[in-house]
Amino acid sequence: MSVPPTPASTVRSPSRSRAALRIDAESRTIKVTPDGPELPALILRPAGRTEKLPCLYYTANGGKIIQSAAMALGEVEKQWVADLGLVFVSISPRVGPEDPHPAQAEDAYAGLVWVSEHADELGIDPDNIMVYGKSGGGGVAAATALMARDRGGPALTHQILIYPMLDDREITVSSGFENATWPGASNRVGWRAILGDSVGGPDVNPYAAAARATELEGLPPTYM
């Protein structure tokens, strides 16, 4: 389920927060590959900064089924941009069930490559890129880091995974937690949307469910 992107424009955030008054926000759609789909993107920059800055690359995704570059963003990300002096680039990959695996992981990795290749345009230090994701996007961020390692892609300094969807098998303690925001039934809907009948089975690719990866050497330092 896609959320229509805001028309391309460069505007100051309308929020009244102090952080928002010190950042520039650009909402647009981009093609991360010549033959691929247009993806919604959101770029936040500290106002008035002209030097090359670190980049926080956000793989925006809601439970594997919601596409929006602003998915799950809050005040804290604006504060990071304004106070820490970084460029925040959110690119939201395609979602299931319309586009099952590997669409999400491939879009997110292609987005990382796009960010690296457009570093000058975006005011980014290409040697200082971190990947960041929450929930469904946290799983996509982890997959992006795996792909970057395996394909010799842009080097990541860190990965930040916030309550990430990493394992389709529901064998961890946290997979048994129930809450009103995201109950187990919703979790299963999300996984099935990208994996179909293979969910929970023996042949799921680590790029779809990063907990399936058995070799973690070479990945960037991780905060989870």
Foldseek 3Di string as FASTA:
>chain_A
DEDDWDDWDKAQDPDPDPLSNQKIKTWYWDDLDPPDDTWTKMKIAGPPDQAAFAEEEFAADDLQAYGDQCHPDDPVVSCCRHPVGYMYMGTYWDGFLVAAPPRSLVVSLSVLQSCLVCRNVNSHDLLHYEYEYEAQRLLSSLLSLVCCQVVVHRDYQEYERHNYQAAQQLPDPVCCDADPVAGNVSNNVSLCGHVPPCRNHDDDDCSSHVVPDPDDPPGHHYHD
